[in-house]
Protein backbone atom coordinates (compact mmCIF):
# COMPACT_ATOMS: atom_id res chain seq x y z
CA MET A 1 0.00 0.00 0.00
CA TYR A 2 1.19 3.53 -0.74
CA SER A 3 1.68 5.92 2.16
CA LYS A 4 -0.30 9.16 1.88
CA MET A 5 2.85 11.14 1.07
CA LYS A 6 3.97 8.66 -1.59
CA LEU A 7 0.48 8.60 -3.11
CA LEU A 8 0.34 12.40 -3.27
CA THR A 9 3.80 12.47 -4.84
CA LEU A 10 2.70 9.91 -7.45
CA ILE A 11 -0.46 11.86 -8.28
CA PHE A 12 1.52 15.11 -8.58
CA THR A 13 4.10 13.40 -10.81
CA ILE A 14 1.41 12.02 -13.10
CA ILE A 15 -0.45 15.34 -13.34
CA ILE A 16 2.72 17.28 -14.21
CA ALA A 17 3.78 14.62 -16.71
CA GLU A 18 0.38 14.61 -18.41
CA ILE A 19 0.32 18.41 -18.63
CA THR A 20 3.80 18.37 -20.14
CA MET A 21 2.90 15.62 -22.59
CA SER A 22 -0.30 17.37 -23.69
CA GLN A 23 1.88 20.34 -24.63
CA ASN A 24 4.41 18.23 -26.55
CA THR A 25 2.42 16.03 -28.90
CA ASP A 26 2.88 17.98 -32.12
CA PHE A 27 4.19 14.90 -33.94
CA GLU A 28 1.32 12.70 -32.75
CA GLN A 29 -1.24 15.43 -33.45
CA HIS A 30 0.08 15.55 -37.00
CA LEU A 31 -0.27 11.77 -37.28
CA TYR A 32 -3.82 11.95 -35.92
CA GLN A 33 -4.89 14.71 -38.30
CA SER A 34 -3.17 13.34 -41.42
CA TYR A 35 -3.86 9.64 -40.89
CA GLU A 36 -6.15 9.23 -43.92
CA ARG A 37 -3.24 10.21 -46.16
CA TYR A 38 -1.33 7.12 -45.01
CA LYS A 39 -4.09 4.61 -44.44
CA GLU A 40 -3.63 1.63 -46.76
CA LYS A 41 -6.89 1.67 -48.71
CA SER A 42 -6.58 -1.90 -50.02
CA ILE A 43 -7.10 -3.16 -46.45
CA MET A 44 -10.34 -1.78 -45.02
CA GLU A 45 -11.80 -4.75 -43.13
CA ARG A 46 -10.37 -7.20 -40.60
CA ARG A 47 -10.61 -10.33 -42.73
CA PHE A 48 -7.81 -9.65 -45.15
CA LYS A 49 -5.55 -12.53 -46.12
CA HIS A 50 -1.90 -13.31 -46.75
CA ALA A 51 -2.52 -12.85 -50.48
CA ASP A 52 -3.71 -9.29 -49.81
CA ILE A 53 -0.50 -8.16 -48.13
CA MET A 54 2.05 -9.91 -50.37
CA PRO A 55 1.74 -7.34 -53.21
CA LEU A 56 2.15 -4.54 -50.67
CA ILE A 57 5.31 -6.15 -49.33
CA GLU A 58 6.66 -6.65 -52.86
CA LYS A 59 6.18 -2.92 -53.55
CA LEU A 60 8.47 -2.12 -50.63
CA LYS A 61 11.35 -3.72 -52.51
CA LEU A 62 11.21 -0.73 -54.84
CA GLN A 63 11.53 1.79 -52.02
CA HIS A 64 14.95 3.26 -51.28
CA GLY A 65 16.51 1.80 -48.14
CA PHE A 66 13.99 -1.00 -47.71
CA THR A 67 15.00 -4.67 -47.75
CA VAL A 68 12.55 -7.56 -47.98
CA LYS A 69 13.81 -11.03 -47.10
CA LYS A 70 11.98 -14.35 -47.02
CA VAL A 71 12.69 -15.94 -43.64
CA GLY A 72 10.61 -19.10 -43.97
CA GLU A 73 7.24 -20.62 -44.73
CA SER A 74 4.15 -21.53 -42.75
CA VAL A 75 2.89 -25.10 -42.48
CA GLU A 76 0.86 -24.62 -45.68
CA GLY A 77 3.73 -22.97 -47.54
CA ARG A 78 2.90 -19.27 -47.17
CA ASP A 79 5.94 -17.00 -47.13
CA LEU A 80 6.95 -15.05 -44.04
CA LYS A 81 8.80 -11.89 -45.05
CA LEU A 82 11.07 -9.75 -42.88
CA ILE A 83 11.02 -6.07 -43.89
CA SER A 84 13.88 -3.86 -42.75
CA VAL A 85 14.84 -0.21 -43.10
CA GLY A 86 17.31 2.09 -41.38
CA THR A 87 21.00 2.05 -40.48
CA GLY A 88 20.90 3.23 -36.88
CA LYS A 89 22.58 1.32 -34.08
CA THR A 90 19.38 0.84 -32.06
CA LYS A 91 17.44 -2.12 -33.42
CA ILE A 92 13.65 -2.35 -33.11
CA PHE A 93 11.79 -5.56 -34.01
CA LEU A 94 8.01 -5.55 -34.56
CA TRP A 95 5.92 -8.65 -35.25
CA SER A 96 2.16 -9.03 -35.63
CA GLN A 97 -0.69 -11.51 -35.95
CA MET A 98 0.85 -14.59 -34.41
CA HIS A 99 -2.84 -15.18 -33.70
CA GLY A 100 -4.64 -15.32 -37.04
CA ASP A 101 -7.78 -13.54 -35.86
CA GLU A 102 -5.88 -10.53 -34.46
CA PRO A 103 -5.23 -8.34 -37.53
CA THR A 104 -5.51 -4.75 -36.27
CA ALA A 105 -1.80 -4.05 -35.90
CA THR A 106 -0.94 -5.81 -39.17
CA ALA A 107 -3.11 -3.31 -41.02
CA ALA A 108 -1.49 -0.48 -39.06
CA LEU A 109 1.99 -1.66 -40.10
CA PHE A 110 1.08 -1.10 -43.74
CA ASP A 111 -0.16 2.38 -42.86
CA ILE A 112 3.23 2.94 -41.22
CA PHE A 113 5.04 1.77 -44.36
CA ASN A 114 3.05 4.37 -46.31
CA PHE A 115 4.17 7.03 -43.84
CA LEU A 116 7.81 5.94 -43.99
CA THR A 117 7.84 5.99 -47.80
CA ASP A 118 5.95 9.27 -48.28
CA SER A 119 8.23 11.92 -49.74
CA THR A 120 6.78 14.63 -47.50
CA ASN A 121 8.31 12.83 -44.50
CA LYS A 122 11.78 12.38 -46.02
CA GLN A 123 13.64 14.68 -43.63
CA PHE A 124 12.01 13.13 -40.59
CA CYS A 125 12.66 9.59 -41.86
CA ASP A 126 16.27 10.27 -42.84
CA ASP A 127 16.93 11.44 -39.29
CA LEU A 128 15.00 8.50 -37.84
CA PHE A 129 16.80 5.90 -39.96
CA SER A 130 20.17 7.29 -38.91
CA LYS A 131 19.32 6.48 -35.30
CA VAL A 132 17.34 3.23 -35.50
CA SER A 133 17.06 0.14 -37.66
CA LEU A 134 13.52 -1.20 -37.99
CA TYR A 135 12.58 -4.83 -38.63
CA PHE A 136 8.97 -5.86 -39.31
CA LEU A 137 7.54 -9.38 -39.47
CA PRO A 138 3.84 -8.94 -40.35
CA MET A 139 1.38 -11.81 -40.10
CA VAL A 140 3.41 -14.48 -38.33
CA ASN A 141 0.47 -16.91 -38.59
CA PRO A 142 -0.80 -16.67 -42.20
CA ASP A 143 -2.49 -20.10 -42.11
CA GLY A 144 -4.57 -19.08 -39.09
CA THR A 145 -5.31 -15.78 -40.79
CA GLU A 146 -6.63 -17.64 -43.84
CA ARG A 147 -9.32 -19.17 -41.58
CA PHE A 148 -9.55 -16.17 -39.24
CA LYS A 149 -8.61 -18.49 -36.37
CA ARG A 150 -6.37 -17.89 -33.38
CA ARG A 151 -4.20 -20.98 -33.82
CA ASN A 152 -2.04 -22.21 -36.66
CA PHE A 153 -2.65 -25.13 -39.05
CA TYR A 154 -1.61 -27.64 -36.36
CA GLU A 155 -4.06 -26.01 -33.91
CA ILE A 156 -1.07 -24.84 -31.85
CA ASP A 157 -1.18 -21.46 -30.14
CA LEU A 158 2.05 -19.94 -31.44
CA ASN A 159 2.33 -17.79 -28.34
CA ARG A 160 2.62 -20.94 -26.26
CA ASP A 161 5.33 -22.47 -28.45
CA ALA A 162 8.33 -20.30 -27.62
CA ILE A 163 10.16 -23.10 -25.80
CA ARG A 164 9.24 -26.33 -27.60
CA LEU A 165 9.25 -24.65 -31.05
CA GLN A 166 7.09 -27.33 -32.69
CA SER A 167 5.59 -25.01 -35.32
CA PRO A 168 7.57 -23.65 -38.28
CA GLU A 169 6.16 -20.17 -37.64
CA ALA A 170 7.44 -20.26 -34.04
CA ILE A 171 10.86 -21.43 -35.24
CA ILE A 172 10.97 -18.56 -37.75
CA LEU A 173 10.07 -15.98 -35.08
CA LYS A 174 12.74 -17.34 -32.73
CA ASN A 175 15.35 -17.45 -35.52
CA VAL A 176 14.66 -13.85 -36.47
CA PHE A 177 14.97 -12.82 -32.84
CA ASP A 178 18.27 -14.66 -32.49
CA SER A 179 19.66 -13.16 -35.69
CA LEU A 180 18.72 -9.57 -34.92
CA LYS A 181 19.60 -9.29 -31.26
CA ALA A 182 17.29 -6.28 -31.22
CA ASP A 183 17.23 -3.74 -28.42
CA PHE A 184 13.43 -3.28 -28.43
CA GLY A 185 10.55 -5.48 -29.51
CA PHE A 186 6.87 -4.82 -30.12
CA ASN A 187 4.53 -7.78 -29.72
CA LEU A 188 1.29 -6.76 -31.48
CA HIS A 189 -2.03 -8.42 -30.61
CA ASP A 190 -5.81 -7.97 -30.30
CA GLN A 191 -7.84 -8.68 -27.18
CA GLY A 192 -11.59 -8.98 -26.74
CA ASN A 193 -13.78 -5.88 -26.69
CA LYS A 194 -15.32 -6.68 -23.28
CA TYR A 195 -12.27 -5.53 -21.33
CA SER A 196 -12.63 -2.37 -19.28
CA VAL A 197 -10.04 -0.07 -17.77
CA GLY A 198 -10.10 -1.33 -14.20
CA ASN A 199 -13.60 -1.23 -12.78
CA SER A 200 -14.54 1.82 -14.84
CA PHE A 201 -17.21 2.12 -17.51
CA LYS A 202 -14.52 2.80 -20.12
CA SER A 203 -13.47 0.21 -22.67
CA ALA A 204 -9.79 -0.73 -22.87
CA ALA A 205 -9.09 0.59 -26.35
CA LEU A 206 -5.40 -0.25 -26.00
CA SER A 207 -3.70 -2.30 -23.31
CA PHE A 208 0.05 -2.32 -22.77
CA LEU A 209 2.45 -4.55 -20.90
CA ALA A 210 6.13 -4.83 -20.21
CA PRO A 211 5.98 -8.63 -19.77
CA ALA A 212 7.46 -10.21 -16.68
CA TYR A 213 10.49 -12.43 -17.21
CA ASN A 214 10.04 -14.53 -14.05
CA TYR A 215 7.35 -15.56 -11.60
CA ASN A 216 8.45 -12.90 -9.12
CA LYS A 217 7.72 -10.19 -11.71
CA ASP A 218 11.08 -8.59 -11.03
CA PHE A 219 12.34 -5.51 -12.84
CA ASN A 220 15.75 -5.27 -14.43
CA PRO A 221 17.14 -2.65 -16.85
CA VAL A 222 15.74 -4.56 -19.85
CA ARG A 223 12.18 -4.58 -18.52
CA GLU A 224 12.48 -1.05 -17.15
CA ARG A 225 13.25 0.32 -20.62
CA ALA A 226 9.95 -1.20 -21.81
CA VAL A 227 8.21 0.29 -18.77
CA LYS A 228 9.47 3.76 -19.65
CA VAL A 229 8.43 3.52 -23.30
CA ILE A 230 4.94 2.43 -22.23
CA GLY A 231 4.76 5.29 -19.72
CA ASN A 232 5.61 7.67 -22.52
CA LEU A 233 2.91 6.16 -24.76
CA TYR A 234 0.35 6.28 -21.96
CA GLN A 235 0.86 10.01 -21.47
CA MET A 236 0.74 10.71 -25.20
CA LEU A 237 -2.33 8.59 -25.98
CA SER A 238 -4.24 9.96 -23.00
CA VAL A 239 -4.55 13.19 -25.00
CA PHE A 240 -6.57 11.28 -27.64
CA ILE A 241 -8.37 8.57 -25.62
CA PRO A 242 -8.33 9.68 -21.97
CA GLY A 243 -9.31 6.89 -19.60
CA HIS A 244 -9.32 4.20 -22.30
CA ILE A 245 -5.81 2.76 -21.72
CA ALA A 246 -5.18 -0.25 -19.53
CA LYS A 247 -2.43 -2.62 -18.52
CA TYR A 248 -2.56 -6.26 -19.59
CA SER A 249 -2.21 -8.98 -16.95
CA ASP A 250 1.43 -9.24 -15.88
CA GLU A 251 1.35 -12.89 -14.81
CA PHE A 252 4.49 -14.61 -16.07
CA GLU A 253 3.80 -17.11 -18.88
CA PRO A 254 6.92 -19.27 -19.36
CA ARG A 255 5.79 -20.53 -22.80
CA ALA A 256 5.10 -17.11 -24.35
CA PHE A 257 7.36 -15.25 -26.74
CA GLY A 258 7.02 -11.82 -25.14
CA ASP A 259 7.94 -13.06 -21.67
CA ASN A 260 10.92 -15.01 -23.01
CA PHE A 261 12.14 -12.27 -25.31
CA GLN A 262 12.15 -10.00 -22.24
CA LYS A 263 14.04 -12.70 -20.35
CA TRP A 264 16.53 -13.10 -23.20
CA GLY A 265 17.44 -9.43 -23.26
CA MET A 266 15.12 -7.54 -25.65
CA SER A 267 13.02 -4.80 -24.05
CA THR A 268 9.58 -6.00 -25.09
CA ILE A 269 6.34 -4.02 -25.28
CA LEU A 270 3.01 -5.78 -25.70
CA ILE A 271 0.22 -3.82 -27.39
CA GLU A 272 -3.30 -5.27 -27.29
CA SER A 273 -6.06 -3.67 -29.39
CA GLY A 274 -9.31 -4.01 -27.48
CA GLY A 275 -12.70 -2.38 -27.97
CA TRP A 276 -14.17 0.95 -29.04
CA LYS A 277 -17.83 1.83 -29.39
CA ASP A 278 -19.16 1.63 -32.97
CA ASP A 279 -15.84 0.32 -34.30
CA PRO A 280 -16.56 -3.33 -35.19
CA GLU A 281 -13.80 -3.45 -37.83
CA LYS A 282 -11.36 -1.79 -35.40
CA GLN A 283 -10.45 0.95 -37.86
CA PHE A 284 -10.15 3.61 -35.14
CA LEU A 285 -8.03 1.23 -33.08
CA ARG A 286 -5.92 0.67 -36.19
CA LYS A 287 -5.36 4.42 -36.31
CA LEU A 288 -4.32 4.42 -32.65
CA ASN A 289 -1.82 1.62 -33.39
CA PHE A 290 -0.40 3.71 -36.23
CA ILE A 291 0.09 6.66 -33.90
CA ALA A 292 1.35 4.62 -30.94
CA ILE A 293 3.93 2.59 -32.88
CA LEU A 294 5.37 5.59 -34.73
CA SER A 295 5.44 7.58 -31.50
CA ALA A 296 7.23 4.73 -29.73
CA ILE A 297 9.80 4.45 -32.50
CA LYS A 298 10.42 8.21 -32.31
CA THR A 299 10.80 8.24 -28.52
CA ILE A 300 13.28 5.35 -28.74
CA ALA A 301 15.21 7.09 -31.51
CA ASP A 302 15.53 10.38 -29.65
CA GLU A 303 15.80 8.62 -26.27
CA SER A 304 13.15 10.87 -24.74
CA TYR A 305 11.62 7.85 -23.01
CA ILE A 306 14.60 7.68 -20.64
CA SER A 307 13.30 10.56 -18.52
CA THR A 308 9.82 9.04 -18.14
CA SER A 309 9.03 8.06 -14.56
CA ASN A 310 8.43 4.35 -13.89
CA GLU A 311 5.54 5.47 -11.68
CA ILE A 312 3.51 6.35 -14.79
CA TYR A 313 3.49 2.67 -15.77
CA ASP A 314 2.63 1.68 -12.19
CA SER A 315 -0.39 3.99 -12.26
CA ILE A 316 -2.01 2.40 -15.34
CA PRO A 317 -5.05 0.32 -14.25
CA PHE A 318 -5.12 -3.35 -15.18
CA ASN A 319 -7.68 -4.79 -17.57
CA ASP A 320 -10.92 -5.91 -16.00
CA LYS A 321 -14.24 -7.07 -17.41
CA TYR A 322 -17.06 -4.62 -16.70
CA ILE A 323 -18.47 -4.31 -20.20
CA PHE A 324 -21.33 -5.98 -22.06
CA ASP A 325 -22.34 -5.52 -25.65
CA VAL A 326 -25.87 -4.58 -24.57
CA ILE A 327 -27.38 -3.60 -21.22
CA LEU A 328 -31.12 -3.03 -20.96
CA ARG A 329 -31.71 -1.29 -17.65
CA ASN A 330 -34.69 -1.15 -15.30
CA VAL A 331 -36.96 -3.43 -17.31
CA GLN A 332 -39.95 -5.07 -15.61
CA ILE A 333 -40.45 -8.83 -15.65
CA GLU A 334 -43.74 -10.32 -14.55
CA ASN A 335 -43.59 -13.61 -12.71
CA GLY A 336 -47.06 -14.66 -11.82
CA LYS A 337 -48.48 -11.89 -9.62
CA ASN A 338 -45.05 -10.44 -8.92
CA ILE A 339 -43.27 -7.76 -10.94
CA ILE A 340 -39.53 -7.30 -10.52
CA LYS A 341 -37.21 -4.69 -12.02
CA VAL A 342 -33.92 -5.94 -13.45
CA ASP A 343 -31.08 -5.09 -15.77
CA LEU A 344 -30.27 -7.51 -18.59
CA GLY A 345 -26.69 -8.02 -19.76
CA ILE A 346 -26.38 -9.40 -23.31
CA ASN A 347 -23.24 -10.30 -25.22
CA LEU A 348 -22.85 -10.93 -28.93
CA ASP A 349 -20.43 -13.78 -29.62
CA GLU A 350 -18.71 -13.62 -33.00
CA ILE A 351 -18.98 -16.83 -35.03
CA ASP A 352 -17.52 -17.45 -38.47
CA SER A 353 -19.51 -18.37 -41.55
CA LYS A 354 -18.89 -21.84 -42.99
CA ASP A 355 -16.47 -20.52 -45.60
CA ASP A 356 -14.67 -18.23 -43.11
CA THR A 357 -15.31 -15.19 -45.30
CA LYS A 358 -17.43 -13.26 -42.81
CA SER A 359 -18.73 -13.40 -39.28
CA TYR A 360 -22.09 -13.35 -37.58
CA PHE A 361 -23.15 -12.82 -34.00
CA ARG A 362 -25.07 -15.09 -31.67
CA SER A 363 -26.55 -13.38 -28.65
CA GLN A 364 -26.53 -14.69 -25.13
CA VAL A 365 -28.20 -13.37 -21.99
CA VAL A 366 -25.21 -13.56 -19.65
CA ASP A 367 -26.50 -11.76 -16.56
CA LEU A 368 -29.74 -10.53 -15.01
CA GLY A 369 -30.28 -8.40 -11.93
CA ASP A 370 -28.47 -5.32 -10.64
CA LEU A 371 -25.88 -4.43 -13.30
CA SER A 372 -25.29 -0.88 -12.12
CA VAL A 373 -21.53 -1.46 -11.86
CA PHE A 374 -21.32 -2.51 -15.53
CA TYR A 375 -21.47 -0.63 -18.83
CA GLY A 376 -22.88 -1.61 -22.22
CA TYR A 377 -21.63 -0.47 -25.61
CA ASN A 378 -25.36 -0.20 -26.30
CA ASP A 379 -26.70 0.95 -22.93
CA ILE A 380 -30.44 1.74 -22.79
CA ASP A 381 -32.50 2.85 -19.80
CA LEU A 382 -35.95 1.24 -20.18
CA ASP A 383 -37.61 2.30 -16.97
CA GLY A 384 -41.35 1.72 -17.35
CA TYR A 385 -40.96 -0.99 -20.00
CA LYS A 386 -42.18 -4.55 -19.54
CA ILE A 387 -40.62 -7.63 -21.10
CA GLN A 388 -42.82 -10.16 -22.85
CA LYS A 389 -42.11 -13.17 -25.02
CA ALA A 390 -41.66 -12.50 -28.70
CA LYS A 391 -43.79 -14.41 -31.19
CA THR A 392 -43.34 -16.11 -34.52
CA TYR A 393 -44.92 -14.40 -37.53
CA THR A 394 -47.52 -16.84 -38.88
CA ASN A 395 -49.30 -14.78 -41.55
CA LYS A 396 -47.09 -16.24 -44.26
CA THR A 397 -44.47 -18.88 -44.96
CA PHE A 398 -41.62 -17.27 -46.88
CA SER A 399 -39.40 -18.71 -49.55
CA LEU A 400 -35.71 -17.87 -49.26
CA ASN A 401 -36.00 -15.74 -52.40
CA GLU A 402 -38.56 -13.49 -50.70
CA LEU A 403 -36.43 -12.64 -47.69
CA ASN A 404 -34.60 -9.68 -49.23
CA ASN A 405 -37.93 -7.87 -49.61
CA LEU A 406 -39.17 -8.38 -46.06
CA ASN A 407 -41.10 -5.58 -44.39
CA LEU A 408 -39.38 -5.86 -41.01
CA TYR A 409 -41.42 -3.05 -39.50
CA ASP A 410 -44.64 -4.95 -40.21
CA ILE A 411 -43.20 -8.08 -38.59
CA TYR A 412 -41.78 -6.25 -35.56
CA SER A 413 -44.95 -4.26 -34.97
CA LYS A 414 -46.78 -7.54 -34.40
CA GLY A 415 -44.29 -8.47 -31.67
CA CYS A 416 -42.45 -11.07 -33.73
CA SER A 417 -38.75 -11.94 -33.69
CA ASN A 418 -39.10 -15.02 -35.93
CA ILE A 419 -40.55 -15.87 -39.32
CA ILE A 420 -41.42 -19.22 -40.86
CA VAL A 421 -39.62 -20.25 -44.05
CA ALA A 422 -40.28 -23.10 -46.43
CA ASN A 423 -36.71 -24.37 -46.09
CA LEU A 424 -33.67 -23.27 -44.12
CA PRO A 425 -30.38 -21.98 -45.55
CA ASP A 426 -27.17 -23.89 -44.88
CA GLU A 427 -25.73 -21.30 -42.51
CA LYS A 428 -26.57 -21.00 -38.81
CA PHE A 429 -27.25 -17.28 -39.23
CA TYR A 430 -29.06 -14.87 -41.50
CA ASP A 431 -27.91 -11.44 -42.63
CA LEU A 432 -31.14 -9.63 -41.79
CA PRO A 433 -32.16 -9.08 -38.14
CA ILE A 434 -34.89 -11.72 -38.10
CA ASN A 435 -34.74 -15.34 -36.97
CA LEU A 436 -35.70 -18.10 -39.41
CA THR A 437 -37.53 -21.27 -38.42
CA LEU A 438 -39.68 -24.04 -39.87
CA SER A 439 -42.14 -24.05 -36.97
CA ASN A 440 -44.18 -21.59 -34.93
CA LYS A 441 -43.50 -23.56 -31.75
CA ILE A 442 -40.49 -21.54 -30.68
CA ASP A 443 -39.85 -20.81 -27.00
CA THR A 444 -38.66 -17.24 -26.48
CA THR A 445 -38.57 -17.41 -22.68
CA ILE A 446 -35.78 -15.28 -21.27
CA ASN A 447 -33.16 -17.69 -19.96
CA LEU A 448 -29.57 -17.15 -18.96
CA ASN A 449 -26.97 -18.39 -21.47
CA GLU A 450 -29.56 -18.52 -24.26
CA PRO A 451 -30.28 -16.13 -27.17
CA ALA A 452 -32.08 -12.88 -26.42
CA ASN A 453 -35.40 -12.70 -28.29
CA PHE A 454 -38.27 -10.80 -26.66
CA ILE A 455 -40.36 -7.65 -26.90
CA LEU A 456 -40.47 -4.54 -24.74
CA ILE A 457 -43.82 -2.87 -24.14
CA LYS A 458 -44.63 0.53 -22.67
CA ASN A 459 -48.17 1.80 -22.07
CA GLY A 460 -49.51 -1.20 -23.96
CA LYS A 461 -47.48 -0.46 -27.10
CA ILE A 462 -44.66 -2.56 -28.56
CA GLU A 463 -41.69 -0.18 -28.54
CA TYR A 464 -38.78 -2.62 -29.07
CA VAL A 465 -38.32 -6.09 -30.46
CA VAL A 466 -35.04 -7.65 -29.37
CA VAL A 467 -33.88 -9.97 -32.15
CA ASN A 468 -30.84 -12.10 -31.37
CA GLY A 469 -29.68 -9.50 -28.86
CA TYR A 470 -30.19 -6.47 -31.10
CA PRO A 471 -32.78 -4.00 -29.71
CA GLN A 472 -34.86 -2.90 -32.70
CA LYS A 473 -36.85 0.29 -32.14
CA VAL A 474 -40.22 -0.33 -33.82
CA GLU A 475 -40.52 2.70 -36.09
CA GLN A 476 -41.38 3.19 -39.73
CA ASN A 477 -38.53 3.89 -42.16
CA ARG A 478 -35.91 2.97 -39.56
CA LYS A 479 -32.70 1.19 -40.50
CA PHE A 480 -32.61 -2.11 -38.63
CA GLU A 481 -29.18 -3.57 -37.89
CA GLY A 482 -27.79 -6.93 -36.86
CA ASN A 483 -28.32 -10.53 -37.89
CA GLY A 484 -30.74 -13.29 -36.99
CA ILE A 485 -30.16 -16.91 -36.15
CA ILE A 486 -31.48 -20.08 -37.73
CA ILE A 487 -33.69 -21.98 -35.29
CA ARG A 488 -33.80 -25.65 -36.30
């Protein structure tokens, strides 16, 4: 526990540092304002593939000072390319997407390449490249990326293969590390969007960590350098996303690359891209990665991180989980003669289509009761509303060809979350926010750990129909969003 004097000193240090940083972010402000100039327009959604980035990497061969080297192949024969630029004595190694479904930073790396090759930044880059040498290994797990899956072709988590080295991708990553003997490393990942900053109502947009190198979580000069860089980034990013920066769990994981790279002498910084409201494709978080990584490279190059207090890092709250996708507050549930008022917490679990080309969401009621300490990305106060079961629309049996011309308002206004179809599609989900079924005998009772399908009534009028967790306001000419599920 901090003494009162030490706590006051820490608070004063942080306040002064944040005031100073807010006055010295001209470079980052420029990056923020000019980002669209550098954003790689051929990558605009999360589900890009290895084949999408290979032409972009090949183009870098034509850029002065850049070197592209094949360092190996994945299990299925996809090339892993190491991109390098700069002649400075300080070496910085950045690798991304060792988990195939964590693409945010990979996209940001190609934005960074656009910045580094833009002629308007030549003077800045010439100075930068005289101080540091940069090495990039994008998309370490291209086979997992092809399926938008965390693990590689062997179903091995590459970030748990740093010691046994059973996967070719893990061997490549370790070989590159051994060959470079870099001073700094950036381990670039995505985490789930349900993480909050401590017990606050704010999503953890970015989470940082200087990984521990032993179970005691000791600090040595190698780890402390990472701590200082993160402290610098925390101050800078707080200007853009105040309160939305957290610290990832610092439990030592002896099988992980970041923990071992720290142990083996490279100051390693973990960056986890988390959640941001109304950013399902993580394009704003991609922008933050662009700014954070370039800012980190600059602070390492000019060594400004050295003066950053370690106490800044200590002050960053850890990740916690206080966020739902949807919270419906103060709704009334009738149970016999009794009426109770509750909050409903609903999450939308992402599930891939059969061909792995897109994703759908399946809702789940995960909590019910007093959720006043939690926050929802879609957070609606429904005081005075009553929950009732949704119904199945029975006026017509639809063919699959008719579904694109559905009048959803007409269906919702009758209190229906489901329609009957003549035959079901092959997928488990449907693009429109309506559930498909072959029968009208569908139970829409509100149960924990089951999909959320019900209606909300106020003053005898149906105001909302919740379809697969998506609250649909029942109004004419309204755009309805989300997807339904197939009820077999």
